[in-house]
Amino acid sequence: MNAFLFKGMVSSMSRLKRWYDKNPELKKWLERLKHAEEEKRNIILDGIKQLDSNFDSDLIDRHVMEFPMEMKRRWYDQNPYCWLIINGLKYADDIFLQKVIDYLQRELPHPL
């Protein structure tokens, strides 16, 4: 197998391993959040944290000890607060995830 093809397959497989890949709508909005300006992204993360405190007050905070001490490649691993919010969503139920999706739809720009 040629190295370029193998690298593409590994890359595709690793993308499918992300916990949010099973929710295409959430995946789409998290990708938009990834590309938002840092200031806007931080405001949105604060908003998700506020949603959490209204829904399940410690859903996100419960998992703080899982923060990876080694450097990871995911965009949200680079910032501990961002990691805490995004990773905490992994443990949310579908009702809360829909609230997050609705919030992201209101707060992030829609592509033209």
N, C-alpha and C. Protein backbone atom coordinates (compact mmCIF):
# COMPACT_ATOMS: atom_id res chain seq x y z
N MET A 1 0.87 -1.18 0.00
CA MET A 1 0.00 0.00 0.00
C MET A 1 0.90 1.23 0.00
N ASN A 2 0.55 2.20 -0.81
CA ASN A 2 1.41 3.38 -0.86
C ASN A 2 1.25 4.22 0.40
N ALA A 3 2.34 4.89 0.80
CA ALA A 3 2.38 5.61 2.08
C ALA A 3 1.36 6.74 2.13
N PHE A 4 1.13 7.42 1.02
CA PHE A 4 0.17 8.52 0.99
C PHE A 4 -1.24 8.00 1.26
N LEU A 5 -1.60 6.90 0.62
CA LEU A 5 -2.92 6.30 0.82
C LEU A 5 -3.08 5.84 2.27
N PHE A 6 -2.05 5.18 2.81
CA PHE A 6 -2.11 4.71 4.19
C PHE A 6 -2.27 5.88 5.16
N LYS A 7 -1.52 6.96 4.94
CA LYS A 7 -1.61 8.13 5.81
C LYS A 7 -3.03 8.71 5.77
N GLY A 8 -3.64 8.76 4.60
CA GLY A 8 -5.01 9.25 4.46
C GLY A 8 -6.00 8.37 5.18
N MET A 9 -5.78 7.06 5.14
CA MET A 9 -6.67 6.14 5.84
C MET A 9 -6.55 6.31 7.35
N VAL A 10 -5.33 6.45 7.84
CA VAL A 10 -5.11 6.64 9.27
C VAL A 10 -5.74 7.95 9.71
N SER A 11 -5.56 8.99 8.90
CA SER A 11 -6.14 10.28 9.23
C SER A 11 -7.67 10.19 9.29
N SER A 12 -8.27 9.51 8.34
CA SER A 12 -9.73 9.35 8.32
C SER A 12 -10.19 8.54 9.52
N MET A 13 -9.45 7.50 9.85
CA MET A 13 -9.84 6.67 11.00
C MET A 13 -9.73 7.46 12.29
N SER A 14 -8.70 8.28 12.44
CA SER A 14 -8.56 9.04 13.68
C SER A 14 -9.67 10.08 13.80
N ARG A 15 -10.10 10.64 12.68
CA ARG A 15 -11.21 11.59 12.73
C ARG A 15 -12.49 10.91 13.19
N LEU A 16 -12.66 9.66 12.83
CA LEU A 16 -13.86 8.94 13.22
C LEU A 16 -13.80 8.48 14.68
N LYS A 17 -12.67 8.61 15.32
CA LYS A 17 -12.53 8.20 16.71
C LYS A 17 -12.94 9.30 17.68
N ARG A 18 -13.13 10.50 17.20
CA ARG A 18 -13.52 11.57 18.12
C ARG A 18 -14.91 11.27 18.64
N TRP A 19 -15.13 11.55 19.90
CA TRP A 19 -16.40 11.21 20.53
C TRP A 19 -17.57 11.90 19.87
N TYR A 20 -17.37 13.07 19.30
CA TYR A 20 -18.49 13.81 18.73
C TYR A 20 -18.76 13.47 17.26
N ASP A 21 -17.95 12.60 16.66
CA ASP A 21 -18.18 12.21 15.27
C ASP A 21 -19.52 11.48 15.10
N LYS A 22 -20.02 10.88 16.16
CA LYS A 22 -21.29 10.15 16.07
C LYS A 22 -22.49 11.09 16.04
N ASN A 23 -22.26 12.38 16.26
CA ASN A 23 -23.33 13.38 16.21
C ASN A 23 -22.97 14.41 15.14
N PRO A 24 -23.40 14.20 13.89
CA PRO A 24 -22.98 15.07 12.79
C PRO A 24 -23.31 16.55 13.01
N GLU A 25 -24.43 16.84 13.64
CA GLU A 25 -24.80 18.24 13.86
C GLU A 25 -23.85 18.90 14.86
N LEU A 26 -23.57 18.22 15.95
CA LEU A 26 -22.62 18.74 16.93
C LEU A 26 -21.24 18.87 16.31
N LYS A 27 -20.84 17.88 15.56
CA LYS A 27 -19.53 17.90 14.88
C LYS A 27 -19.41 19.15 14.01
N LYS A 28 -20.45 19.43 13.24
CA LYS A 28 -20.43 20.60 12.35
C LYS A 28 -20.23 21.88 13.15
N TRP A 29 -20.95 22.03 14.25
CA TRP A 29 -20.87 23.27 15.03
C TRP A 29 -19.58 23.36 15.83
N LEU A 30 -19.05 22.24 16.27
CA LEU A 30 -17.75 22.28 16.96
C LEU A 30 -16.65 22.66 15.98
N GLU A 31 -16.77 22.23 14.74
CA GLU A 31 -15.80 22.64 13.71
C GLU A 31 -15.88 24.15 13.47
N ARG A 32 -17.07 24.69 13.47
CA ARG A 32 -17.21 26.15 13.32
C ARG A 32 -16.64 26.87 14.53
N LEU A 33 -16.86 26.31 15.72
CA LEU A 33 -16.29 26.90 16.92
C LEU A 33 -14.77 26.87 16.85
N LYS A 34 -14.23 25.80 16.36
CA LYS A 34 -12.77 25.67 16.20
C LYS A 34 -12.20 26.83 15.39
N HIS A 35 -12.91 27.27 14.37
CA HIS A 35 -12.41 28.30 13.47
C HIS A 35 -12.86 29.72 13.85
N ALA A 36 -13.58 29.84 14.93
CA ALA A 36 -14.01 31.16 15.39
C ALA A 36 -12.81 31.93 15.93
N GLU A 37 -12.92 33.25 15.91
CA GLU A 37 -11.87 34.06 16.52
C GLU A 37 -11.78 33.72 18.00
N GLU A 38 -10.58 33.80 18.55
CA GLU A 38 -10.36 33.37 19.94
C GLU A 38 -11.29 34.07 20.93
N GLU A 39 -11.46 35.36 20.78
CA GLU A 39 -12.33 36.10 21.72
C GLU A 39 -13.77 35.59 21.64
N LYS A 40 -14.27 35.40 20.42
CA LYS A 40 -15.62 34.88 20.22
C LYS A 40 -15.74 33.46 20.77
N ARG A 41 -14.72 32.64 20.50
CA ARG A 41 -14.72 31.26 20.99
C ARG A 41 -14.79 31.24 22.52
N ASN A 42 -14.03 32.11 23.18
CA ASN A 42 -14.04 32.14 24.65
C ASN A 42 -15.40 32.57 25.20
N ILE A 43 -16.04 33.51 24.54
CA ILE A 43 -17.38 33.94 24.95
C ILE A 43 -18.36 32.77 24.81
N ILE A 44 -18.25 32.05 23.72
CA ILE A 44 -19.14 30.91 23.48
C ILE A 44 -18.87 29.79 24.49
N LEU A 45 -17.61 29.54 24.79
CA LEU A 45 -17.29 28.53 25.80
C LEU A 45 -17.88 28.91 27.15
N ASP A 46 -17.80 30.19 27.50
CA ASP A 46 -18.42 30.66 28.75
C ASP A 46 -19.93 30.42 28.72
N GLY A 47 -20.54 30.64 27.55
CA GLY A 47 -21.97 30.41 27.41
C GLY A 47 -22.33 28.94 27.58
N ILE A 48 -21.50 28.05 27.04
CA ILE A 48 -21.75 26.61 27.21
C ILE A 48 -21.60 26.24 28.68
N LYS A 49 -20.61 26.81 29.34
CA LYS A 49 -20.43 26.56 30.78
C LYS A 49 -21.66 27.03 31.56
N GLN A 50 -22.21 28.18 31.15
CA GLN A 50 -23.42 28.68 31.81
C GLN A 50 -24.61 27.75 31.57
N LEU A 51 -24.74 27.25 30.35
CA LEU A 51 -25.80 26.27 30.06
C LEU A 51 -25.65 25.07 30.98
N ASP A 52 -24.41 24.64 31.15
CA ASP A 52 -24.13 23.50 32.01
C ASP A 52 -24.56 23.77 33.44
N SER A 53 -24.25 24.96 33.94
CA SER A 53 -24.59 25.26 35.33
C SER A 53 -26.11 25.32 35.53
N ASN A 54 -26.85 25.62 34.47
CA ASN A 54 -28.31 25.64 34.55
C ASN A 54 -28.92 24.24 34.37
N PHE A 55 -28.17 23.34 33.75
CA PHE A 55 -28.70 22.02 33.39
C PHE A 55 -28.21 20.93 34.34
N ASP A 56 -26.92 20.84 34.49
CA ASP A 56 -26.29 19.84 35.38
C ASP A 56 -25.06 20.53 35.94
N SER A 57 -25.18 21.11 37.08
CA SER A 57 -24.21 22.08 37.59
C SER A 57 -22.77 21.62 37.62
N ASP A 58 -22.51 20.34 37.63
CA ASP A 58 -21.11 19.93 37.66
C ASP A 58 -20.74 18.91 36.58
N LEU A 59 -21.53 18.84 35.53
CA LEU A 59 -21.24 17.91 34.43
C LEU A 59 -19.82 18.11 33.91
N ILE A 60 -19.46 19.33 33.62
CA ILE A 60 -18.15 19.62 33.04
C ILE A 60 -17.06 19.50 34.09
N ASP A 61 -17.28 20.07 35.26
CA ASP A 61 -16.25 20.07 36.30
C ASP A 61 -15.92 18.68 36.83
N ARG A 62 -16.85 17.75 36.71
CA ARG A 62 -16.62 16.38 37.20
C ARG A 62 -15.43 15.71 36.53
N HIS A 63 -15.08 16.15 35.34
CA HIS A 63 -14.08 15.44 34.54
C HIS A 63 -12.76 16.20 34.42
N VAL A 64 -12.54 17.18 35.27
CA VAL A 64 -11.33 18.00 35.20
C VAL A 64 -10.06 17.17 35.39
N MET A 65 -10.13 16.12 36.17
CA MET A 65 -8.94 15.32 36.44
C MET A 65 -8.50 14.48 35.24
N GLU A 66 -9.31 14.44 34.19
CA GLU A 66 -8.95 13.69 32.99
C GLU A 66 -8.10 14.49 32.02
N PHE A 67 -7.79 15.75 32.37
CA PHE A 67 -7.02 16.59 31.46
C PHE A 67 -5.71 15.90 31.10
N PRO A 68 -5.42 15.77 29.79
CA PRO A 68 -4.19 15.08 29.38
C PRO A 68 -2.96 15.94 29.68
N MET A 69 -2.03 15.41 30.41
CA MET A 69 -0.83 16.16 30.74
C MET A 69 0.15 16.21 29.57
N GLU A 70 0.08 15.24 28.67
CA GLU A 70 0.93 15.29 27.48
C GLU A 70 0.20 16.06 26.39
N MET A 71 0.95 16.64 25.50
CA MET A 71 0.39 17.45 24.43
C MET A 71 -0.39 16.57 23.45
N LYS A 72 -1.58 16.97 23.15
CA LYS A 72 -2.42 16.27 22.18
C LYS A 72 -2.55 17.12 20.92
N ARG A 73 -3.10 16.55 19.88
CA ARG A 73 -3.21 17.26 18.61
C ARG A 73 -4.54 17.97 18.42
N ARG A 74 -5.56 17.61 19.16
CA ARG A 74 -6.87 18.20 18.92
C ARG A 74 -6.84 19.69 19.22
N TRP A 75 -7.62 20.44 18.49
CA TRP A 75 -7.61 21.90 18.63
C TRP A 75 -7.97 22.34 20.04
N TYR A 76 -8.84 21.62 20.71
CA TYR A 76 -9.28 22.05 22.03
C TYR A 76 -8.36 21.56 23.15
N ASP A 77 -7.38 20.73 22.84
CA ASP A 77 -6.41 20.28 23.84
C ASP A 77 -5.39 21.37 24.19
N GLN A 78 -5.29 22.36 23.35
CA GLN A 78 -4.25 23.38 23.54
C GLN A 78 -4.59 24.37 24.65
N ASN A 79 -5.85 24.44 25.05
CA ASN A 79 -6.30 25.39 26.06
C ASN A 79 -7.08 24.59 27.12
N PRO A 80 -6.58 24.59 28.37
CA PRO A 80 -7.24 23.77 29.40
C PRO A 80 -8.73 24.09 29.60
N TYR A 81 -9.11 25.37 29.54
CA TYR A 81 -10.52 25.73 29.72
C TYR A 81 -11.35 25.21 28.55
N CYS A 82 -10.84 25.38 27.35
CA CYS A 82 -11.52 24.88 26.15
C CYS A 82 -11.65 23.36 26.24
N TRP A 83 -10.59 22.69 26.64
CA TRP A 83 -10.62 21.24 26.77
C TRP A 83 -11.69 20.82 27.78
N LEU A 84 -11.73 21.51 28.90
CA LEU A 84 -12.68 21.17 29.96
C LEU A 84 -14.12 21.24 29.45
N ILE A 85 -14.43 22.30 28.71
CA ILE A 85 -15.80 22.47 28.19
C ILE A 85 -16.11 21.42 27.13
N ILE A 86 -15.24 21.31 26.12
CA ILE A 86 -15.50 20.38 25.00
C ILE A 86 -15.48 18.94 25.48
N ASN A 87 -14.48 18.57 26.28
CA ASN A 87 -14.41 17.19 26.77
C ASN A 87 -15.59 16.87 27.69
N GLY A 88 -16.02 17.83 28.49
CA GLY A 88 -17.16 17.60 29.38
C GLY A 88 -18.42 17.26 28.61
N LEU A 89 -18.55 17.80 27.40
CA LEU A 89 -19.73 17.50 26.58
C LEU A 89 -19.81 16.02 26.22
N LYS A 90 -18.66 15.36 26.23
CA LYS A 90 -18.63 13.93 25.91
C LYS A 90 -19.55 13.13 26.84
N TYR A 91 -19.76 13.62 28.04
CA TYR A 91 -20.53 12.91 29.05
C TYR A 91 -21.99 13.40 29.14
N ALA A 92 -22.33 14.35 28.30
CA ALA A 92 -23.68 14.94 28.34
C ALA A 92 -24.69 14.01 27.66
N ASP A 93 -25.93 14.13 28.09
CA ASP A 93 -26.99 13.37 27.43
C ASP A 93 -27.45 14.12 26.18
N ASP A 94 -28.28 13.46 25.40
CA ASP A 94 -28.72 14.04 24.13
C ASP A 94 -29.51 15.34 24.31
N ILE A 95 -30.23 15.46 25.40
CA ILE A 95 -31.01 16.68 25.65
C ILE A 95 -30.08 17.87 25.83
N PHE A 96 -29.05 17.70 26.64
CA PHE A 96 -28.10 18.79 26.86
C PHE A 96 -27.32 19.09 25.58
N LEU A 97 -26.90 18.06 24.86
CA LEU A 97 -26.16 18.29 23.61
C LEU A 97 -27.02 19.08 22.62
N GLN A 98 -28.31 18.82 22.58
CA GLN A 98 -29.18 19.60 21.69
C GLN A 98 -29.24 21.05 22.13
N LYS A 99 -29.24 21.30 23.43
CA LYS A 99 -29.20 22.68 23.94
C LYS A 99 -27.91 23.37 23.51
N VAL A 100 -26.81 22.64 23.54
CA VAL A 100 -25.52 23.19 23.10
C VAL A 100 -25.56 23.49 21.61
N ILE A 101 -26.08 22.56 20.82
CA ILE A 101 -26.19 22.78 19.37
C ILE A 101 -27.05 24.01 19.09
N ASP A 102 -28.18 24.12 19.76
CA ASP A 102 -29.06 25.28 19.57
C ASP A 102 -28.32 26.58 19.91
N TYR A 103 -27.56 26.55 21.00
CA TYR A 103 -26.79 27.72 21.43
C TYR A 103 -25.72 28.07 20.39
N LEU A 104 -25.01 27.06 19.90
CA LEU A 104 -23.98 27.30 18.88
C LEU A 104 -24.59 27.88 17.60
N GLN A 105 -25.76 27.38 17.23
CA GLN A 105 -26.44 27.89 16.03
C GLN A 105 -26.79 29.36 16.18
N ARG A 106 -27.17 29.78 17.40
CA ARG A 106 -27.51 31.19 17.64
C ARG A 106 -26.27 32.07 17.67
N GLU A 107 -25.17 31.54 18.21
CA GLU A 107 -24.00 32.38 18.50
C GLU A 107 -22.93 32.40 17.43
N LEU A 108 -22.87 31.37 16.62
CA LEU A 108 -21.83 31.31 15.57
C LEU A 108 -22.41 31.75 14.24
N PRO A 109 -21.59 32.41 13.45
CA PRO A 109 -22.08 32.84 12.13
C PRO A 109 -22.36 31.64 11.23
N HIS A 110 -23.38 31.78 10.45
CA HIS A 110 -23.71 30.75 9.47
C HIS A 110 -22.95 31.04 8.19
N PRO A 111 -22.46 30.00 7.52
CA PRO A 111 -21.76 30.23 6.26
C PRO A 111 -22.73 30.75 5.21
N LEU A 112 -22.22 31.53 4.31
CA LEU A 112 -23.07 32.11 3.25
C LEU A 112 -23.46 31.07 2.23
